[in-house]
Protein backbone atom coordinates (compact mmCIF):
# COMPACT_ATOMS: atom_id res chain seq x y z
CA MET A 1 -25.00 75.27 78.65
CA PHE A 2 -27.92 73.71 76.72
CA ASP A 3 -30.88 75.63 75.49
CA ILE A 4 -34.36 74.21 75.36
CA TYR A 5 -34.22 73.41 71.64
CA THR A 6 -31.05 71.31 71.93
CA ILE A 7 -32.60 69.22 74.67
CA ILE A 8 -35.74 68.65 72.60
CA PHE A 9 -33.79 67.49 69.46
CA LEU A 10 -31.58 65.19 71.55
CA ALA A 11 -34.59 63.54 73.16
CA LEU A 12 -36.19 63.10 69.73
CA ALA A 13 -33.06 61.42 68.28
CA VAL A 14 -32.89 58.93 71.16
CA PHE A 15 -36.56 58.06 70.69
CA ILE A 16 -36.15 57.46 66.94
CA PHE A 17 -33.03 55.27 67.48
CA ILE A 18 -34.88 53.06 69.97
CA ARG A 19 -37.79 52.57 67.55
CA LEU A 20 -35.58 51.65 64.60
CA ARG A 21 -33.58 49.15 66.63
CA SER A 22 -36.77 47.45 67.71
CA VAL A 23 -37.64 46.78 64.04
CA LEU A 24 -34.26 46.23 62.27
CA GLY A 25 -32.11 44.78 64.98
CA GLN A 26 -34.14 41.59 65.66
CA ARG A 27 -34.57 38.38 63.49
CA THR A 28 -38.04 36.94 63.03
CA GLY A 29 -37.07 33.81 60.98
CA ARG A 30 -38.78 35.12 57.82
CA GLU A 31 -35.83 37.08 56.49
CA ARG A 32 -34.87 36.47 52.77
CA PRO A 33 -31.27 36.13 51.71
CA PRO A 34 -29.76 38.82 49.54
CA TYR A 35 -30.91 38.61 45.91
CA ASP A 36 -28.66 36.44 43.70
CA PRO A 37 -29.28 36.88 39.94
CA TYR A 38 -27.77 33.37 39.28
CA SER A 39 -29.81 31.54 41.91
CA ARG A 40 -32.43 30.23 39.44
CA ARG A 41 -29.83 28.97 36.98
CA ASP A 42 -27.85 27.22 39.70
CA ALA A 43 -31.02 25.64 41.05
CA ALA A 44 -31.78 24.16 37.62
CA LYS A 45 -28.30 22.71 37.40
CA ALA A 46 -28.23 21.22 40.85
CA PRO A 47 -31.67 20.21 42.16
CA VAL A 48 -32.25 20.08 45.84
CA GLY A 49 -30.96 16.82 47.23
CA ALA A 50 -28.48 16.20 44.42
CA THR A 51 -25.08 15.56 45.92
CA ASP A 52 -23.24 14.08 42.89
CA LYS A 53 -22.46 15.47 39.49
CA VAL A 54 -23.92 12.39 37.77
CA VAL A 55 -27.69 11.92 37.74
CA ASN A 56 -28.69 8.24 37.79
CA PHE A 57 -31.72 7.38 35.70
CA PRO A 58 -34.11 4.75 37.09
CA GLY A 59 -34.12 1.38 35.40
CA PRO A 60 -32.38 -2.03 35.31
CA ALA A 61 -29.12 -0.50 34.19
CA ASN A 62 -28.81 1.29 37.50
CA ASP A 63 -29.70 -1.60 39.75
CA LYS A 64 -25.99 -2.29 40.12
CA PRO A 65 -23.17 0.19 40.36
CA ALA A 66 -21.56 0.85 37.02
CA VAL A 67 -18.15 -0.75 36.56
CA PRO A 68 -15.81 1.25 34.32
CA VAL A 69 -14.56 -0.76 31.33
CA PRO A 70 -10.94 -0.04 30.41
CA VAL A 71 -10.55 0.98 26.78
CA GLU A 72 -7.27 0.03 25.18
CA PRO A 73 -5.91 2.42 22.55
CA LEU A 74 -6.12 1.12 19.00
CA GLU A 75 -2.79 0.10 17.61
CA ASP A 76 -1.77 1.43 14.24
CA ALA A 77 -2.51 -1.22 11.64
CA GLU A 78 0.62 -2.35 9.90
CA PRO A 79 0.41 -1.74 6.15
CA ALA A 80 0.20 -4.93 4.14
CA PRO A 81 3.36 -5.55 2.20
CA ALA A 82 3.16 -4.79 -1.52
CA ARG A 83 2.18 -7.91 -3.41
CA TRP A 84 4.73 -7.35 -6.16
CA ALA A 85 7.47 -5.85 -4.00
CA GLY A 86 10.74 -5.80 -5.92
CA ILE A 87 8.88 -6.50 -9.18
CA ALA A 88 6.52 -3.58 -9.79
CA GLU A 89 5.49 -0.40 -8.00
CA VAL A 90 2.09 -0.31 -6.33
CA GLY A 91 -0.54 1.12 -8.66
CA SER A 92 1.66 0.92 -11.76
CA ALA A 93 0.46 -0.53 -15.07
CA VAL A 94 2.74 -3.54 -14.55
CA ALA A 95 1.32 -4.18 -11.07
CA ASN A 96 -2.24 -3.90 -12.40
CA GLY A 97 -1.41 -6.34 -15.19
CA LEU A 98 0.09 -8.82 -12.74
CA ASP A 99 -3.02 -8.46 -10.57
CA ALA A 100 -5.18 -9.33 -13.57
CA ILE A 101 -3.13 -12.47 -14.18
CA ALA A 102 -3.19 -13.47 -10.51
CA ALA A 103 -6.97 -12.95 -10.43
CA GLN A 104 -7.31 -15.93 -12.76
CA GLU A 105 -4.44 -17.96 -11.34
CA ARG A 106 -4.13 -17.44 -7.60
CA ASP A 107 -0.86 -19.36 -7.39
CA PHE A 108 0.85 -17.07 -9.91
CA ASP A 109 4.20 -15.86 -8.56
CA ALA A 110 5.97 -13.07 -10.44
CA LYS A 111 9.35 -13.86 -8.88
CA HIS A 112 9.02 -17.51 -9.85
CA PHE A 113 8.08 -16.40 -13.36
CA LEU A 114 11.20 -14.23 -13.63
CA THR A 115 13.37 -17.14 -12.49
CA GLY A 116 11.91 -19.28 -15.26
CA ALA A 117 12.20 -16.46 -17.80
CA ARG A 118 15.91 -16.03 -17.06
CA ALA A 119 16.49 -19.76 -17.50
CA ALA A 120 14.47 -19.79 -20.74
CA TYR A 121 16.41 -16.79 -22.06
CA GLU A 122 19.75 -18.53 -21.60
CA MET A 123 18.48 -21.80 -23.07
CA ILE A 124 17.05 -20.07 -26.16
CA VAL A 125 20.19 -18.02 -26.82
CA VAL A 126 22.45 -21.07 -26.55
CA ALA A 127 20.08 -23.32 -28.52
CA PHE A 128 19.87 -20.80 -31.35
CA ALA A 129 23.66 -20.52 -31.51
CA HIS A 130 23.97 -24.30 -31.68
CA GLY A 131 21.15 -24.65 -34.18
CA ASP A 132 19.20 -26.90 -31.77
CA ARG A 133 15.72 -26.78 -33.29
CA ALA A 134 14.34 -29.47 -30.98
CA ALA A 135 15.16 -27.43 -27.88
CA LEU A 136 13.74 -24.27 -29.41
CA LYS A 137 10.47 -25.88 -30.42
CA ASP A 138 9.36 -26.40 -26.82
CA LEU A 139 10.23 -22.85 -25.80
CA LEU A 140 8.92 -20.75 -28.69
CA ALA A 141 5.51 -19.97 -30.10
CA ARG A 142 4.94 -21.39 -33.58
CA ASP A 143 5.58 -18.20 -35.59
CA VAL A 144 8.64 -17.28 -33.51
CA PHE A 145 10.02 -20.77 -33.93
CA ASP A 146 9.56 -20.51 -37.67
CA GLY A 147 11.60 -17.30 -37.71
CA PHE A 148 14.41 -18.78 -35.61
CA ALA A 149 14.46 -21.96 -37.67
CA ALA A 150 14.65 -19.96 -40.92
CA ALA A 151 17.64 -17.96 -39.60
CA ILE A 152 19.42 -21.20 -38.60
CA THR A 153 18.78 -22.67 -42.05
CA GLU A 154 20.21 -19.61 -43.81
CA ARG A 155 23.28 -19.71 -41.63
CA GLU A 156 23.81 -23.37 -42.39
CA GLN A 157 23.38 -22.75 -46.10
CA ARG A 158 26.15 -20.17 -45.99
CA GLY A 159 28.36 -22.64 -44.20
CA GLU A 160 28.63 -20.45 -41.14
CA THR A 161 28.78 -21.49 -37.52
CA MET A 162 27.97 -19.52 -34.43
CA GLU A 163 29.77 -19.77 -31.11
CA THR A 164 28.16 -18.24 -28.02
CA GLN A 165 29.44 -18.28 -24.47
CA PHE A 166 26.84 -17.16 -21.97
CA VAL A 167 28.48 -15.06 -19.26
CA GLY A 168 25.37 -14.20 -17.30
CA ILE A 169 22.26 -12.07 -16.88
CA GLU A 170 22.86 -8.87 -14.98
CA LYS A 171 19.24 -7.83 -14.80
CA ALA A 172 15.76 -8.98 -15.80
CA ASP A 173 12.79 -6.64 -15.30
CA ILE A 174 9.13 -7.01 -16.12
CA ILE A 175 8.16 -3.93 -18.13
CA GLU A 176 4.69 -4.98 -19.31
CA ALA A 177 2.02 -7.40 -18.11
CA ASP A 178 -1.48 -8.00 -19.35
CA ALA A 179 -4.31 -10.51 -19.31
CA ARG A 180 -6.83 -10.47 -22.13
CA GLY A 181 -9.46 -13.08 -21.67
CA ARG A 182 -7.59 -16.27 -20.84
CA SER A 183 -4.40 -15.17 -22.57
CA ALA A 184 -1.63 -13.63 -20.47
CA GLN A 185 1.45 -11.83 -21.75
CA ILE A 186 4.48 -10.59 -19.83
CA THR A 187 7.32 -8.59 -21.39
CA VAL A 188 10.78 -8.75 -19.84
CA ARG A 189 13.83 -6.61 -20.51
CA PHE A 190 17.05 -8.64 -20.22
CA LEU A 191 20.48 -7.14 -19.76
CA SER A 192 23.02 -9.91 -20.35
CA GLN A 193 26.67 -10.42 -21.12
CA LEU A 194 27.72 -12.70 -23.96
CA ILE A 195 30.78 -13.67 -25.90
CA SER A 196 29.52 -14.38 -29.39
CA VAL A 197 31.23 -14.92 -32.74
CA THR A 198 30.08 -16.13 -36.13
CA ARG A 199 32.61 -17.85 -38.39
CA ASP A 200 32.53 -18.78 -42.05
CA LYS A 201 33.25 -22.26 -43.37
CA HIS A 202 36.98 -21.48 -43.27
CA GLY A 203 36.92 -20.40 -39.63
CA GLY A 204 37.21 -16.71 -40.32
CA VAL A 205 35.31 -14.32 -38.11
CA VAL A 206 32.26 -12.94 -39.86
CA ASP A 207 30.65 -11.23 -36.92
CA GLY A 208 31.42 -10.71 -33.24
CA ASP A 209 34.65 -11.06 -31.25
CA PRO A 210 35.79 -14.27 -29.51
CA GLU A 211 37.72 -12.21 -26.94
CA GLN A 212 35.18 -9.51 -26.19
CA VAL A 213 32.35 -9.64 -23.66
CA ALA A 214 29.40 -7.80 -25.14
CA ASP A 215 26.53 -6.19 -23.24
CA VAL A 216 23.26 -7.22 -24.87
CA THR A 217 19.79 -5.85 -24.13
CA ASP A 218 16.80 -7.84 -25.35
CA VAL A 219 13.08 -7.26 -24.85
CA TRP A 220 11.18 -10.53 -24.97
CA THR A 221 7.48 -11.23 -24.52
CA PHE A 222 6.24 -14.50 -23.06
CA ALA A 223 2.67 -15.79 -23.15
CA ARG A 224 0.54 -18.66 -21.98
CA GLU A 225 -3.10 -19.68 -21.71
CA LEU A 226 -4.29 -19.17 -18.15
CA GLY A 227 -5.86 -22.23 -16.61
CA ALA A 228 -4.23 -24.57 -19.12
CA ARG A 229 -2.57 -27.76 -17.93
CA ASP A 230 0.74 -26.74 -19.50
CA PRO A 231 2.34 -24.33 -17.00
CA ASN A 232 5.14 -23.27 -19.36
CA TRP A 233 5.36 -19.82 -20.85
CA LYS A 234 6.46 -19.56 -24.47
CA LEU A 235 8.34 -16.78 -26.24
CA VAL A 236 5.96 -14.94 -28.60
CA ALA A 237 7.96 -11.84 -29.56
CA THR A 238 11.55 -10.58 -29.50
CA GLU A 239 13.06 -7.14 -29.84
CA ALA A 240 16.63 -5.94 -29.61
CA ALA A 241 16.81 -2.80 -27.49
CA SER A 242 19.45 -0.18 -28.03
């Protein structure tokens, strides 16, 4: 069944198998692991003996275990309220003018000023109608007083009288503010309602209507010397607005 050549090749194959097994099939303890192209990079990242991801540096800071400090989130700072809220818009020329005044007089209050300006406006209108020069003198600058006094004198010389009933002030707005040196000026636009009539010496109506409420718009400028002992503002200019 088998020829001589088959027997020879079979014997040779068995011999070669036994020799290879004696070399490859046994461990000597010097075998290398399979080659890993990332082994060097990994070794640099994680040195032998390193078991944590954090490397502690020697020194006093590491004598004690680090205690994490809780960090509270910063709260949004609330915007400071506008200094002249309700009086002037932030960054406007009026607000800048009021800032310049307040820089020299820290206790300056624009709302308090407007309250005084409204009161002064009513007092001046009524005093002029009544020809009350004494009351006007304390409220007006010298040249403005001279103009008011001259108008009262002319009216008296014509024998005329003026009757004014003050209904009220609907609105008073600061439209200009400025400080030049120690002198401050603030311009206010008044929207008021009046019943006003001028009569001749016989009682006839010369101007106005005793039964009609009239809407009147005036633009008045007040001024004072900053730092002066007298805290009162005086009227320095008037203008009738349409």
